[in-house]
Every structure is written in C-alpha cells, then in structure tokens.
Amino acid sequence: MENKVILLVEDNPRDEALILRALKKANILNEVIIARDGVKALDYLFGSGKYAGRDKRVLPQFVLLDLKLPRMGGLQVLQMIRKDRRTRRLPVVVFTSSSEEEDVIKSYDLGANSYVRKPVDFEQFLEATRQLGMYWLVLNEVAPAE
C-alpha cells in the first residue's frame, strides 16, 4: 500500500495510543502526523507555525478529527478546512466520544465526510479504527487537487 499520510487530530494521549495501536495491528503502516490541538492541525495543513516551509500541496489522505480539542475545537478546524479551496475536498472523519446530536448535525453541516463515535469497549475501538483506516486509505477515491 502506498504510504499516504494520515493527520490525526487528538488531544487525549490514551485515545492517540489506541488509534496508533489499532492502525499498526491492522497492518496500516502509513505515516501518522499527530496534532494535539486544532491550531497545530491547521498549521500542518496550511504550512504555518512549526510546519512553515512544508510542501502545502501534499495533503494527507484523510484527517481523523476529534471535536473536543484545546485552543481551537474540532468544529472550528473543520470549518477552516472547508473554507480554503486547497483543503475543501480533503476527507475529514470526525472521530469523537461526543454523543451530542448537535455535534453530529454541525459536523455534517460543516462538511464532515463521516461521523464516528469512539467505542468505549477496547476491542470495538480497535475494530472501528481499523475499518476507518482501511476504508479511507484503500477503498475511498480521493477527489483530485485543484
């Protein structure tokens, strides 16, 4: 499988470790860029901050986005991704523990490609992460860049 980067936007160290473990267990060995808050996620995508000078034309295959983040929440990040012509087609999967119906509605209104609640059960969490990785890396056809 071609090494396509995944942008993981997650502030919870436990969930981050579980996601990385699940991807590895599923033999998904793609590079995972980790942003622990919304500002860092946008810095990576738009080549600013510590990512200044990064080739902004090279986007991740998809973004795995938590909603409850420090500095800038996931919904704001999603809104900024969709506002910019360079990233408006970038697949964004909201992967969150939020069970608020309002979060689901807002996520889709802002252009999320998918909304998945993080399972509480360890094995289900691993399986959900594996399935997300396989779908977005193998099965999904990415829109061409503008």
Protein backbone atom coordinates (compact mmCIF):
# COMPACT_ATOMS: atom_id res chain seq x y z
CA MET A 1 0.00 0.00 0.00
CA GLU A 2 1.32 3.42 -0.97
CA ASN A 3 2.39 5.41 2.08
CA LYS A 4 -0.30 8.06 2.36
CA VAL A 5 -0.14 10.32 5.39
CA ILE A 6 -2.95 10.39 7.95
CA LEU A 7 -3.48 13.53 10.01
CA LEU A 8 -4.67 12.54 13.48
CA VAL A 9 -6.05 15.46 15.48
CA GLU A 10 -6.37 14.13 19.02
CA ASP A 11 -5.54 15.61 22.41
CA ASN A 12 -6.21 12.53 24.55
CA PRO A 13 -2.95 10.54 24.93
CA ARG A 14 -4.87 7.33 25.67
CA ASP A 15 -7.02 7.61 22.53
CA GLU A 16 -3.98 8.58 20.47
CA ALA A 17 -2.14 5.46 21.64
CA LEU A 18 -5.18 3.26 20.95
CA ILE A 19 -5.61 4.66 17.46
CA LEU A 20 -1.93 4.17 16.62
CA ARG A 21 -2.03 0.63 18.05
CA ALA A 22 -5.17 -0.22 16.08
CA LEU A 23 -3.66 1.03 12.83
CA LYS A 24 -0.48 -0.95 13.42
CA LYS A 25 -2.45 -4.06 14.37
CA ALA A 26 -4.39 -3.72 11.10
CA ASN A 27 -1.04 -3.54 9.26
CA ILE A 28 -1.70 0.08 8.28
CA LEU A 29 1.83 1.41 8.41
CA ASN A 30 1.19 4.83 6.95
CA GLU A 31 2.88 7.82 8.50
CA VAL A 32 0.59 9.44 11.06
CA ILE A 33 1.06 13.14 11.74
CA ILE A 34 -0.30 13.96 15.18
CA ALA A 35 -1.73 17.36 16.06
CA ARG A 36 -2.80 17.64 19.69
CA ASP A 37 -4.91 20.76 19.19
CA GLY A 38 -6.81 22.47 16.43
CA VAL A 39 -4.24 25.20 15.82
CA LYS A 40 -1.47 22.64 15.22
CA ALA A 41 -3.73 20.75 12.79
CA LEU A 42 -4.25 23.88 10.72
CA ASP A 43 -0.54 24.73 10.96
CA TYR A 44 0.24 21.36 9.40
CA LEU A 45 -2.38 21.65 6.66
CA PHE A 46 -1.51 25.22 5.70
CA GLY A 47 2.26 25.07 6.27
CA SER A 48 2.50 27.57 9.10
CA GLY A 49 3.96 27.60 12.62
CA LYS A 50 6.36 24.71 13.14
CA TYR A 51 5.36 23.41 9.70
CA ALA A 52 6.40 26.56 7.83
CA GLY A 53 8.17 25.54 4.67
CA ARG A 54 6.31 22.23 4.36
CA ASP A 55 5.05 21.50 0.85
CA LYS A 56 1.41 22.59 1.24
CA ARG A 57 0.45 20.84 -1.98
CA VAL A 58 0.97 17.47 -0.30
CA LEU A 59 -2.13 16.82 1.76
CA PRO A 60 -2.94 13.88 3.99
CA GLN A 61 -5.10 11.11 2.58
CA PHE A 62 -7.62 11.95 5.30
CA VAL A 63 -7.99 13.71 8.64
CA LEU A 64 -9.16 11.86 11.74
CA LEU A 65 -10.58 14.72 13.82
CA ASP A 66 -11.65 14.80 17.45
CA LEU A 67 -14.10 17.54 18.41
CA LYS A 68 -13.10 18.39 21.96
CA LEU A 69 -9.70 19.99 21.48
CA PRO A 70 -7.70 22.69 23.26
CA ARG A 71 -7.04 26.10 21.67
CA MET A 72 -9.44 25.52 18.76
CA GLY A 73 -12.24 22.97 18.70
CA GLY A 74 -12.75 20.37 16.02
CA LEU A 75 -15.79 22.08 14.53
CA GLN A 76 -13.76 25.27 14.02
CA VAL A 77 -10.97 23.23 12.43
CA LEU A 78 -13.47 21.59 10.09
CA GLN A 79 -14.91 24.98 9.17
CA MET A 80 -11.42 26.33 8.33
CA ILE A 81 -10.60 23.23 6.26
CA ARG A 82 -13.78 23.65 4.20
CA LYS A 83 -13.28 27.42 3.69
CA ASP A 84 -9.93 27.02 1.95
CA ARG A 85 -10.00 25.91 -1.69
CA ARG A 86 -6.84 23.81 -1.18
CA THR A 87 -8.44 21.65 1.51
CA ARG A 88 -12.18 21.87 0.93
CA ARG A 89 -12.26 18.38 -0.65
CA LEU A 90 -9.93 16.78 1.89
CA PRO A 91 -11.72 13.84 3.55
CA VAL A 92 -12.41 14.59 7.22
CA VAL A 93 -13.66 11.90 9.56
CA VAL A 94 -14.93 13.17 12.89
CA PHE A 95 -13.86 10.52 15.44
CA THR A 96 -15.11 11.61 18.81
CA SER A 97 -16.62 10.45 22.07
CA SER A 98 -19.38 13.07 21.77
CA SER A 99 -22.86 11.61 21.62
CA GLU A 100 -24.48 15.04 21.28
CA GLU A 101 -26.89 15.11 18.34
CA GLU A 102 -26.00 18.77 17.83
CA ASP A 103 -22.33 17.79 17.23
CA VAL A 104 -23.38 15.26 14.58
CA ILE A 105 -25.59 17.83 12.82
CA LYS A 106 -22.97 20.61 12.97
CA SER A 107 -20.25 18.25 11.73
CA TYR A 108 -22.22 17.30 8.64
CA ASP A 109 -23.40 20.87 8.08
CA LEU A 110 -19.74 21.95 8.05
CA GLY A 111 -18.81 19.25 5.54
CA ALA A 112 -17.59 16.23 7.51
CA ASN A 113 -17.35 13.13 5.35
CA SER A 114 -18.15 10.83 8.24
CA TYR A 115 -19.00 10.96 11.95
CA VAL A 116 -17.95 8.03 14.11
CA ARG A 117 -18.37 7.77 17.86
CA LYS A 118 -15.39 6.28 19.62
CA PRO A 119 -16.48 2.99 21.15
CA VAL A 120 -15.84 2.61 24.86
CA ASP A 121 -15.02 -1.10 24.55
CA PHE A 122 -11.33 -1.65 23.75
CA GLU A 123 -11.84 -4.32 21.06
CA GLN A 124 -14.61 -2.32 19.41
CA PHE A 125 -12.38 0.78 19.46
CA LEU A 126 -9.61 -1.17 17.72
CA GLU A 127 -12.01 -2.56 15.13
CA ALA A 128 -13.61 0.82 14.40
CA THR A 129 -10.17 2.37 13.88
CA ARG A 130 -9.07 -0.50 11.63
CA GLN A 131 -12.19 -0.16 9.48
CA LEU A 132 -11.77 3.60 9.20
CA GLY A 133 -8.17 3.23 8.09
CA MET A 134 -8.94 0.55 5.53
CA TYR A 135 -11.87 2.45 4.04
CA TRP A 136 -10.22 5.86 3.76
CA LEU A 137 -6.84 4.54 2.64
CA VAL A 138 -7.84 1.67 0.35
CA LEU A 139 -11.44 1.93 -0.81
CA ASN A 140 -12.14 5.66 -0.94
CA GLU A 141 -11.42 7.53 -4.16
CA VAL A 142 -9.90 10.90 -3.28
CA ALA A 143 -11.01 13.98 -5.22
CA PRO A 144 -8.26 15.43 -7.39
CA ALA A 145 -6.45 18.51 -6.10
CA GLU A 146 -7.44 21.84 -7.60
